[in-house]
Amino acid sequence: MTLVSIQLNCSSFVQPDYKIRKAKVQIHSATSKPNNKRLWIIAGTIVVVAIAAFILLNMWLRHQMNRTEFTPSTAQLEFIMGTDVLRIPANHVRFEHQRNKTSLDQLNLVFLYSQMSGYSNTHKASFNATGNKSRLIHLSLRKRELSYDMTNRLSSVYRQLFEGTPTAGPAGLILQPLRPGSGYDGEVLAIGENDSQKWVARCQTPQSNVRPTCIRDVFVGRNLSALISFPLHMLAEWKAIEKKTLNFLKNSLR
């Protein structure tokens, strides 16, 4: 590449051009003051609106968080999900709008571990506990959309994403890191043996989430998939969680 340097000695027309530019700048400055004022007004209005929106959003979120939607009622409710029928106590159903329907595409349940009890006024504090004090198990029932549950996806899906050295987890589990960028960033695969069968769950690491959880899905009933979710600090009790959750579902299916 060749650089060309051109020098012009044109003082005869550069100076007048400078004066013209100076005059234009002065004119622009004089005329831009009102514009600047309008800009400040617009910017101030935007800030006020943004603050008001933030306050309203914060109030709404607090309202939603305070709306637990729990009920102490133990009335038996019947739900039809495709070809499956379940009878569930009302205090296990997480959301009010689901308790008012009989036919659902999704049903969200909640349990207090280890009693596996539903909400009650006696255990109100336990249902509102957060962090390491939380002992809630959440369960989401849906019609099956996948051909395999999480255990059966171990060989066909997850094993292809293994990367790094596995470490020993609680209660005989192996924690296997997964490849970054695979869609499971910040997660490890917890793998164990339960009655000679593989047990598999995806768990968030404490570094990736302030409230890390583990999730596992299993097939139940005729055509349902159950997504089980529990806090990471309860991982050592994985065998009991599995047994008690599946027993509850088995007794609920009709």
C-alpha atoms as a PDB file:
ATOM      1  CA  MET A   1       0.000   0.000   0.000  1.00  0.00           C
ATOM      2  CA  THR A   2       1.391   3.455  -0.966  1.00  0.00           C
ATOM      3  CA  LEU A   3       0.702   6.420   1.262  1.00  0.00           C
ATOM      4  CA  VAL A   4       0.355   9.751  -0.463  1.00  0.00           C
ATOM      5  CA  SER A   5       0.867  12.940   1.540  1.00  0.00           C
ATOM      6  CA  ILE A   6      -0.494  16.131   0.044  1.00  0.00           C
ATOM      7  CA  GLN A   7       0.272  19.538   1.498  1.00  0.00           C
ATOM      8  CA  LEU A   8      -1.608  22.600   0.344  1.00  0.00           C
ATOM      9  CA  ASN A   9      -0.448  26.156   0.999  1.00  0.00           C
ATOM     10  CA  CYS A  10      -3.767  27.873   0.514  1.00  0.00           C
ATOM     11  CA  SER A  11      -3.901  30.373   3.301  1.00  0.00           C
ATOM     12  CA  SER A  12      -5.703  32.735   0.993  1.00  0.00           C
ATOM     13  CA  PHE A  13      -8.936  30.687   1.141  1.00  0.00           C
ATOM     14  CA  VAL A  14      -8.452  28.657   4.309  1.00  0.00           C
ATOM     15  CA  GLN A  15      -8.824  31.672   6.604  1.00  0.00           C
ATOM     16  CA  PRO A  16     -12.131  32.897   5.163  1.00  0.00           C
ATOM     17  CA  ASP A  17     -13.470  29.322   5.284  1.00  0.00           C
ATOM     18  CA  TYR A  18     -12.532  29.163   8.971  1.00  0.00           C
ATOM     19  CA  LYS A  19     -14.437  32.380   9.615  1.00  0.00           C
ATOM     20  CA  ILE A  20     -17.474  31.023   7.818  1.00  0.00           C
ATOM     21  CA  ARG A  21     -17.317  27.825   9.846  1.00  0.00           C
ATOM     22  CA  LYS A  22     -16.926  29.864  13.039  1.00  0.00           C
ATOM     23  CA  ALA A  23     -19.979  31.915  12.156  1.00  0.00           C
ATOM     24  CA  LYS A  24     -21.946  28.746  11.430  1.00  0.00           C
ATOM     25  CA  VAL A  25     -20.904  27.275  14.766  1.00  0.00           C
ATOM     26  CA  GLN A  26     -22.023  30.424  16.555  1.00  0.00           C
ATOM     27  CA  ILE A  27     -25.356  30.349  14.745  1.00  0.00           C
ATOM     28  CA  HIS A  28     -25.751  26.628  15.490  1.00  0.00           C
ATOM     29  CA  SER A  29     -24.917  27.157  19.153  1.00  0.00           C
ATOM     30  CA  ALA A  30     -27.466  29.927  19.398  1.00  0.00           C
ATOM     31  CA  THR A  31     -30.158  27.869  17.750  1.00  0.00           C
ATOM     32  CA  SER A  32     -29.306  24.613  19.541  1.00  0.00           C
ATOM     33  CA  LYS A  33     -29.953  25.890  23.053  1.00  0.00           C
ATOM     34  CA  PRO A  34     -33.728  25.421  22.790  1.00  0.00           C
ATOM     35  CA  ASN A  35     -33.139  22.000  21.225  1.00  0.00           C
ATOM     36  CA  ASN A  36     -30.886  21.014  24.122  1.00  0.00           C
ATOM     37  CA  LYS A  37     -33.556  22.148  26.531  1.00  0.00           C
ATOM     38  CA  ARG A  38     -36.138  20.024  24.759  1.00  0.00           C
ATOM     39  CA  LEU A  39     -33.761  17.070  24.812  1.00  0.00           C
ATOM     40  CA  TRP A  40     -33.295  17.457  28.560  1.00  0.00           C
ATOM     41  CA  ILE A  41     -37.067  17.583  29.037  1.00  0.00           C
ATOM     42  CA  ILE A  42     -37.545  14.447  26.917  1.00  0.00           C
ATOM     43  CA  ALA A  43     -34.720  12.638  28.707  1.00  0.00           C
ATOM     44  CA  GLY A  44     -36.112  13.644  32.083  1.00  0.00           C
ATOM     45  CA  THR A  45     -39.556  12.415  31.094  1.00  0.00           C
ATOM     46  CA  ILE A  46     -38.128   9.079  29.960  1.00  0.00           C
ATOM     47  CA  VAL A  47     -36.254   8.668  33.246  1.00  0.00           C
ATOM     48  CA  VAL A  48     -39.393   9.462  35.282  1.00  0.00           C
ATOM     49  CA  VAL A  49     -41.461   6.997  33.229  1.00  0.00           C
ATOM     50  CA  ALA A  50     -38.762   4.319  33.566  1.00  0.00           C
ATOM     51  CA  ILE A  51     -38.592   4.804  37.338  1.00  0.00           C
ATOM     52  CA  ALA A  52     -42.369   4.664  37.629  1.00  0.00           C
ATOM     53  CA  ALA A  53     -42.453   1.505  35.493  1.00  0.00           C
ATOM     54  CA  PHE A  54     -39.744  -0.067  37.631  1.00  0.00           C
ATOM     55  CA  ILE A  55     -41.643   0.761  40.833  1.00  0.00           C
ATOM     56  CA  LEU A  56     -44.883  -0.677  39.430  1.00  0.00           C
ATOM     57  CA  LEU A  57     -43.075  -3.803  38.198  1.00  0.00           C
ATOM     58  CA  ASN A  58     -41.445  -4.251  41.602  1.00  0.00           C
ATOM     59  CA  MET A  59     -44.819  -3.867  43.336  1.00  0.00           C
ATOM     60  CA  TRP A  60     -46.353  -6.420  40.942  1.00  0.00           C
ATOM     61  CA  LEU A  61     -43.534  -8.900  41.522  1.00  0.00           C
ATOM     62  CA  ARG A  62     -43.849  -8.520  45.280  1.00  0.00           C
ATOM     63  CA  HIS A  63     -47.580  -9.076  44.953  1.00  0.00           C
ATOM     64  CA  GLN A  64     -47.003 -12.208  42.878  1.00  0.00           C
ATOM     65  CA  MET A  65     -44.444 -13.505  45.360  1.00  0.00           C
ATOM     66  CA  ASN A  66     -46.814 -12.880  48.244  1.00  0.00           C
ATOM     67  CA  ARG A  67     -49.597 -14.680  46.391  1.00  0.00           C
ATOM     68  CA  THR A  68     -48.549 -18.144  47.432  1.00  0.00           C
ATOM     69  CA  GLU A  69     -51.761 -19.650  46.033  1.00  0.00           C
ATOM     70  CA  PHE A  70     -51.443 -22.449  48.580  1.00  0.00           C
ATOM     71  CA  THR A  71     -54.522 -23.851  50.275  1.00  0.00           C
ATOM     72  CA  PRO A  72     -54.827 -25.917  53.465  1.00  0.00           C
ATOM     73  CA  SER A  73     -57.816 -27.772  52.027  1.00  0.00           C
ATOM     74  CA  THR A  74     -57.358 -31.546  51.831  1.00  0.00           C
ATOM     75  CA  ALA A  75     -60.382 -32.084  49.579  1.00  0.00           C
ATOM     76  CA  GLN A  76     -59.744 -34.725  46.939  1.00  0.00           C
ATOM     77  CA  LEU A  77     -59.669 -33.276  43.412  1.00  0.00           C
ATOM     78  CA  GLU A  78     -59.890 -35.306  40.239  1.00  0.00           C
ATOM     79  CA  PHE A  79     -57.855 -34.398  37.170  1.00  0.00           C
ATOM     80  CA  ILE A  80     -57.999 -35.816  33.669  1.00  0.00           C
ATOM     81  CA  MET A  81     -54.808 -35.628  31.646  1.00  0.00           C
ATOM     82  CA  GLY A  82     -55.278 -37.419  28.349  1.00  0.00           C
ATOM     83  CA  THR A  83     -55.855 -41.075  29.149  1.00  0.00           C
ATOM     84  CA  ASP A  84     -54.694 -40.686  32.757  1.00  0.00           C
ATOM     85  CA  VAL A  85     -56.908 -39.824  35.722  1.00  0.00           C
ATOM     86  CA  LEU A  86     -55.526 -38.658  39.063  1.00  0.00           C
ATOM     87  CA  ARG A  87     -57.003 -37.885  42.466  1.00  0.00           C
ATOM     88  CA  ILE A  88     -54.902 -35.326  44.341  1.00  0.00           C
ATOM     89  CA  PRO A  89     -55.511 -33.514  47.668  1.00  0.00           C
ATOM     90  CA  ALA A  90     -56.089 -29.818  46.995  1.00  0.00           C
ATOM     91  CA  ASN A  91     -53.244 -28.732  49.290  1.00  0.00           C
ATOM     92  CA  HIS A  92     -50.726 -30.491  47.039  1.00  0.00           C
ATOM     93  CA  VAL A  93     -51.811 -28.520  43.951  1.00  0.00           C
ATOM     94  CA  ARG A  94     -49.521 -25.521  43.552  1.00  0.00           C
ATOM     95  CA  PHE A  95     -51.748 -23.080  41.662  1.00  0.00           C
ATOM     96  CA  GLU A  96     -55.306 -21.980  42.305  1.00  0.00           C
ATOM     97  CA  HIS A  97     -56.353 -21.915  38.653  1.00  0.00           C
ATOM     98  CA  GLN A  98     -55.410 -25.590  38.337  1.00  0.00           C
ATOM     99  CA  ARG A  99     -57.530 -26.542  41.338  1.00  0.00           C
ATOM    100  CA  ASN A 100     -60.550 -25.086  39.553  1.00  0.00           C
ATOM    101  CA  LYS A 101     -60.211 -27.329  36.490  1.00  0.00           C
ATOM    102  CA  THR A 102     -60.627 -31.020  35.843  1.00  0.00           C
ATOM    103  CA  SER A 103     -58.982 -31.333  32.433  1.00  0.00           C
ATOM    104  CA  LEU A 104     -55.409 -30.064  32.265  1.00  0.00           C
ATOM    105  CA  ASP A 105     -52.362 -30.160  30.023  1.00  0.00           C
ATOM    106  CA  GLN A 106     -50.073 -29.543  32.989  1.00  0.00           C
ATOM    107  CA  LEU A 107     -50.457 -30.044  36.718  1.00  0.00           C
ATOM    108  CA  ASN A 108     -48.026 -28.584  39.264  1.00  0.00           C
ATOM    109  CA  LEU A 109     -47.710 -30.227  42.668  1.00  0.00           C
ATOM    110  CA  VAL A 110     -45.679 -29.392  45.765  1.00  0.00           C
ATOM    111  CA  PHE A 111     -44.594 -31.521  48.725  1.00  0.00           C
ATOM    112  CA  LEU A 112     -42.916 -30.835  52.031  1.00  0.00           C
ATOM    113  CA  TYR A 113     -40.105 -33.335  52.454  1.00  0.00           C
ATOM    114  CA  SER A 114     -39.801 -35.754  54.122  1.00  0.00           C
ATOM    115  CA  GLN A 115     -43.432 -36.086  55.177  1.00  0.00           C
ATOM    116  CA  MET A 116     -44.499 -35.518  51.546  1.00  0.00           C
ATOM    117  CA  SER A 117     -47.384 -33.517  52.977  1.00  0.00           C
ATOM    118  CA  GLY A 118     -49.240 -30.721  51.287  1.00  0.00           C
ATOM    119  CA  TYR A 119     -49.640 -27.174  52.504  1.00  0.00           C
ATOM    120  CA  SER A 120     -51.079 -26.547  55.960  1.00  0.00           C
ATOM    121  CA  ASN A 121     -51.241 -23.587  58.288  1.00  0.00           C
ATOM    122  CA  THR A 122     -49.007 -25.520  60.669  1.00  0.00           C
ATOM    123  CA  HIS A 123     -46.252 -25.772  58.053  1.00  0.00           C
ATOM    124  CA  LYS A 124     -46.738 -22.323  56.556  1.00  0.00           C
ATOM    125  CA  ALA A 125     -43.196 -21.222  57.469  1.00  0.00           C
ATOM    126  CA  SER A 126     -41.718 -24.330  55.838  1.00  0.00           C
ATOM    127  CA  PHE A 127     -43.548 -23.647  52.590  1.00  0.00           C
ATOM    128  CA  ASN A 128     -42.233 -20.085  52.532  1.00  0.00           C
ATOM    129  CA  ALA A 129     -38.655 -21.017  53.473  1.00  0.00           C
ATOM    130  CA  THR A 130     -35.857 -20.202  51.029  1.00  0.00           C
ATOM    131  CA  GLY A 131     -32.217 -21.135  50.538  1.00  0.00           C
ATOM    132  CA  ASN A 132     -30.859 -24.080  52.502  1.00  0.00           C
ATOM    133  CA  LYS A 133     -33.951 -24.038  54.699  1.00  0.00           C
ATOM    134  CA  SER A 134     -36.212 -25.018  51.821  1.00  0.00           C
ATOM    135  CA  ARG A 135     -37.391 -28.644  51.894  1.00  0.00           C
ATOM    136  CA  LEU A 136     -39.927 -28.456  49.091  1.00  0.00           C
ATOM    137  CA  ILE A 137     -40.167 -30.865  46.202  1.00  0.00           C
ATOM    138  CA  HIS A 138     -41.919 -29.563  43.092  1.00  0.00           C
ATOM    139  CA  LEU A 139     -43.473 -31.907  40.586  1.00  0.00           C
ATOM    140  CA  SER A 140     -44.839 -31.020  37.172  1.00  0.00           C
ATOM    141  CA  LEU A 141     -47.027 -33.504  35.307  1.00  0.00           C
ATOM    142  CA  ARG A 142     -47.481 -33.263  31.556  1.00  0.00           C
ATOM    143  CA  LYS A 143     -48.434 -35.488  28.675  1.00  0.00           C
ATOM    144  CA  ARG A 144     -45.381 -37.223  27.291  1.00  0.00           C
ATOM    145  CA  GLU A 145     -43.632 -35.309  24.538  1.00  0.00           C
ATOM    146  CA  LEU A 146     -40.325 -37.224  24.362  1.00  0.00           C
ATOM    147  CA  SER A 147     -39.667 -40.851  23.508  1.00  0.00           C
ATOM    148  CA  TYR A 148     -37.284 -41.362  26.430  1.00  0.00           C
ATOM    149  CA  ASP A 149     -37.159 -40.221  30.025  1.00  0.00           C
ATOM    150  CA  MET A 150     -33.983 -38.817  31.586  1.00  0.00           C
ATOM    151  CA  THR A 151     -32.491 -42.173  32.543  1.00  0.00           C
ATOM    152  CA  ASN A 152     -32.911 -43.509  29.007  1.00  0.00           C
ATOM    153  CA  ARG A 153     -31.415 -40.312  27.565  1.00  0.00           C
ATOM    154  CA  LEU A 154     -28.150 -41.027  29.385  1.00  0.00           C
ATOM    155  CA  SER A 155     -26.698 -43.133  26.565  1.00  0.00           C
ATOM    156  CA  SER A 156     -28.391 -41.498  23.589  1.00  0.00           C
ATOM    157  CA  VAL A 157     -27.928 -37.839  24.559  1.00  0.00           C
ATOM    158  CA  TYR A 158     -25.986 -36.958  27.679  1.00  0.00           C
ATOM    159  CA  ARG A 159     -23.047 -39.328  27.255  1.00  0.00           C
ATOM    160  CA  GLN A 160     -22.149 -37.552  24.007  1.00  0.00           C
ATOM    161  CA  LEU A 161     -21.777 -34.325  26.007  1.00  0.00           C
ATOM    162  CA  PHE A 162     -19.458 -35.598  28.744  1.00  0.00           C
ATOM    163  CA  GLU A 163     -16.367 -33.463  29.215  1.00  0.00           C
ATOM    164  CA  GLY A 164     -13.966 -33.251  32.113  1.00  0.00           C
ATOM    165  CA  THR A 165     -13.267 -35.516  35.046  1.00  0.00           C
ATOM    166  CA  PRO A 166     -16.238 -36.793  37.046  1.00  0.00           C
ATOM    167  CA  THR A 167     -16.208 -36.281  40.802  1.00  0.00           C
ATOM    168  CA  ALA A 168     -17.745 -38.165  43.687  1.00  0.00           C
ATOM    169  CA  GLY A 169     -21.085 -36.780  44.810  1.00  0.00           C
ATOM    170  CA  PRO A 170     -23.182 -37.459  47.912  1.00  0.00           C
ATOM    171  CA  ALA A 171     -24.766 -40.838  48.668  1.00  0.00           C
ATOM    172  CA  GLY A 172     -22.832 -42.768  46.020  1.00  0.00           C
ATOM    173  CA  LEU A 173     -23.538 -40.424  43.126  1.00  0.00           C
ATOM    174  CA  ILE A 174     -21.099 -39.487  40.370  1.00  0.00           C
ATOM    175  CA  LEU A 175     -21.156 -35.867  39.190  1.00  0.00           C
ATOM    176  CA  GLN A 176     -20.237 -35.609  35.529  1.00  0.00           C
ATOM    177  CA  PRO A 177     -19.442 -32.201  33.964  1.00  0.00           C
ATOM    178  CA  LEU A 178     -21.029 -31.454  30.596  1.00  0.00           C
ATOM    179  CA  ARG A 179     -19.473 -29.750  27.611  1.00  0.00           C
ATOM    180  CA  PRO A 180     -19.665 -25.924  27.696  1.00  0.00           C
ATOM    181  CA  GLY A 181     -21.916 -24.529  24.989  1.00  0.00           C
ATOM    182  CA  SER A 182     -23.976 -27.728  24.839  1.00  0.00           C
ATOM    183  CA  GLY A 183     -27.033 -26.029  26.315  1.00  0.00           C
ATOM    184  CA  TYR A 184     -26.327 -27.307  29.816  1.00  0.00           C
ATOM    185  CA  ASP A 185     -23.873 -24.656  30.960  1.00  0.00           C
ATOM    186  CA  GLY A 186     -23.566 -24.410  34.730  1.00  0.00           C
ATOM    187  CA  GLU A 187     -24.908 -27.938  35.193  1.00  0.00           C
ATOM    188  CA  VAL A 188     -23.563 -31.367  36.041  1.00  0.00           C
ATOM    189  CA  LEU A 189     -25.155 -34.743  35.512  1.00  0.00           C
ATOM    190  CA  ALA A 190     -25.739 -36.694  38.719  1.00  0.00           C
ATOM    191  CA  ILE A 191     -25.609 -40.430  38.038  1.00  0.00           C
ATOM    192  CA  GLY A 192     -26.310 -43.253  40.471  1.00  0.00           C
ATOM    193  CA  GLU A 193     -27.573 -46.808  40.791  1.00  0.00           C
ATOM    194  CA  ASN A 194     -31.006 -47.413  42.254  1.00  0.00           C
ATOM    195  CA  ASP A 195     -32.140 -51.053  42.524  1.00  0.00           C
ATOM    196  CA  SER A 196     -29.776 -52.014  39.670  1.00  0.00           C
ATOM    197  CA  GLN A 197     -31.166 -49.239  37.479  1.00  0.00           C
ATOM    198  CA  LYS A 198     -29.511 -45.998  36.492  1.00  0.00           C
ATOM    199  CA  TRP A 199     -30.721 -42.836  38.189  1.00  0.00           C
ATOM    200  CA  VAL A 200     -29.974 -39.582  36.363  1.00  0.00           C
ATOM    201  CA  ALA A 201     -30.626 -35.946  37.251  1.00  0.00           C
ATOM    202  CA  ARG A 202     -29.389 -32.588  36.013  1.00  0.00           C
ATOM    203  CA  CYS A 203     -28.119 -30.336  38.782  1.00  0.00           C
ATOM    204  CA  GLN A 204     -27.159 -26.684  38.697  1.00  0.00           C
ATOM    205  CA  THR A 205     -23.850 -25.832  40.333  1.00  0.00           C
ATOM    206  CA  PRO A 206     -23.744 -23.380  43.261  1.00  0.00           C
ATOM    207  CA  GLN A 207     -21.622 -21.080  41.089  1.00  0.00           C
ATOM    208  CA  SER A 208     -24.290 -20.878  38.377  1.00  0.00           C
ATOM    209  CA  ASN A 209     -27.334 -20.112  40.516  1.00  0.00           C
ATOM    210  CA  VAL A 210     -28.021 -18.644  43.937  1.00  0.00           C
ATOM    211  CA  ARG A 211     -30.715 -21.277  44.434  1.00  0.00           C
ATOM    212  CA  PRO A 212     -29.330 -24.328  42.612  1.00  0.00           C
ATOM    213  CA  THR A 213     -31.780 -27.132  41.955  1.00  0.00           C
ATOM    214  CA  CYS A 214     -31.780 -30.642  40.542  1.00  0.00           C
ATOM    215  CA  ILE A 215     -34.347 -31.881  38.046  1.00  0.00           C
ATOM    216  CA  ARG A 216     -35.253 -35.342  36.866  1.00  0.00           C
ATOM    217  CA  ASP A 217     -38.058 -36.563  34.637  1.00  0.00           C
ATOM    218  CA  VAL A 218     -39.642 -40.015  34.682  1.00  0.00           C
ATOM    219  CA  PHE A 219     -42.530 -41.633  32.871  1.00  0.00           C
ATOM    220  CA  VAL A 220     -45.581 -42.489  34.981  1.00  0.00           C
ATOM    221  CA  GLY A 221     -49.092 -43.721  34.325  1.00  0.00           C
ATOM    222  CA  ARG A 222     -50.218 -44.467  30.791  1.00  0.00           C
ATOM    223  CA  ASN A 223     -48.870 -41.403  29.041  1.00  0.00           C
ATOM    224  CA  LEU A 224     -47.517 -38.903  31.571  1.00  0.00           C
ATOM    225  CA  SER A 225     -44.108 -37.412  32.205  1.00  0.00           C
ATOM    226  CA  ALA A 226     -43.277 -36.217  35.725  1.00  0.00           C
ATOM    227  CA  LEU A 227     -40.612 -33.534  36.149  1.00  0.00           C
ATOM    228  CA  ILE A 228     -39.270 -33.673  39.711  1.00  0.00           C
ATOM    229  CA  SER A 229     -37.404 -30.647  41.054  1.00  0.00           C
ATOM    230  CA  PHE A 230     -35.699 -30.248  44.431  1.00  0.00           C
ATOM    231  CA  PRO A 231     -32.953 -28.078  45.981  1.00  0.00           C
ATOM    232  CA  LEU A 232     -29.351 -29.112  45.383  1.00  0.00           C
ATOM    233  CA  HIS A 233     -28.689 -29.356  49.129  1.00  0.00           C
ATOM    234  CA  MET A 234     -31.158 -32.281  49.233  1.00  0.00           C
ATOM    235  CA  LEU A 235     -29.257 -34.309  46.628  1.00  0.00           C
ATOM    236  CA  ALA A 236     -27.917 -36.715  49.262  1.00  0.00           C
ATOM    237  CA  GLU A 237     -31.515 -37.893  49.802  1.00  0.00           C
ATOM    238  CA  TRP A 238     -32.091 -38.731  46.151  1.00  0.00           C
ATOM    239  CA  LYS A 239     -33.131 -42.342  46.769  1.00  0.00           C
ATOM    240  CA  ALA A 240     -35.802 -41.444  49.320  1.00  0.00           C
ATOM    241  CA  ILE A 241     -37.046 -38.544  47.166  1.00  0.00           C
ATOM    242  CA  GLU A 242     -37.446 -40.893  44.193  1.00  0.00           C
ATOM    243  CA  LYS A 243     -39.231 -43.583  46.188  1.00  0.00           C
ATOM    244  CA  LYS A 244     -41.633 -41.265  48.013  1.00  0.00           C
ATOM    245  CA  THR A 245     -42.492 -39.217  44.921  1.00  0.00           C
ATOM    246  CA  LEU A 246     -43.225 -42.251  42.766  1.00  0.00           C
ATOM    247  CA  ASN A 247     -45.240 -43.876  45.547  1.00  0.00           C
ATOM    248  CA  PHE A 248     -47.381 -40.738  45.834  1.00  0.00           C
ATOM    249  CA  LEU A 249     -48.029 -40.752  42.069  1.00  0.00           C
ATOM    250  CA  LYS A 250     -48.755 -44.467  42.028  1.00  0.00           C
ATOM    251  CA  ASN A 251     -51.393 -44.033  44.734  1.00  0.00           C
ATOM    252  CA  SER A 252     -52.867 -41.003  42.947  1.00  0.00           C
ATOM    253  CA  LEU A 253     -53.375 -42.640  39.558  1.00  0.00           C
ATOM    254  CA  ARG A 254     -56.740 -44.220  38.853  1.00  0.00           C
END
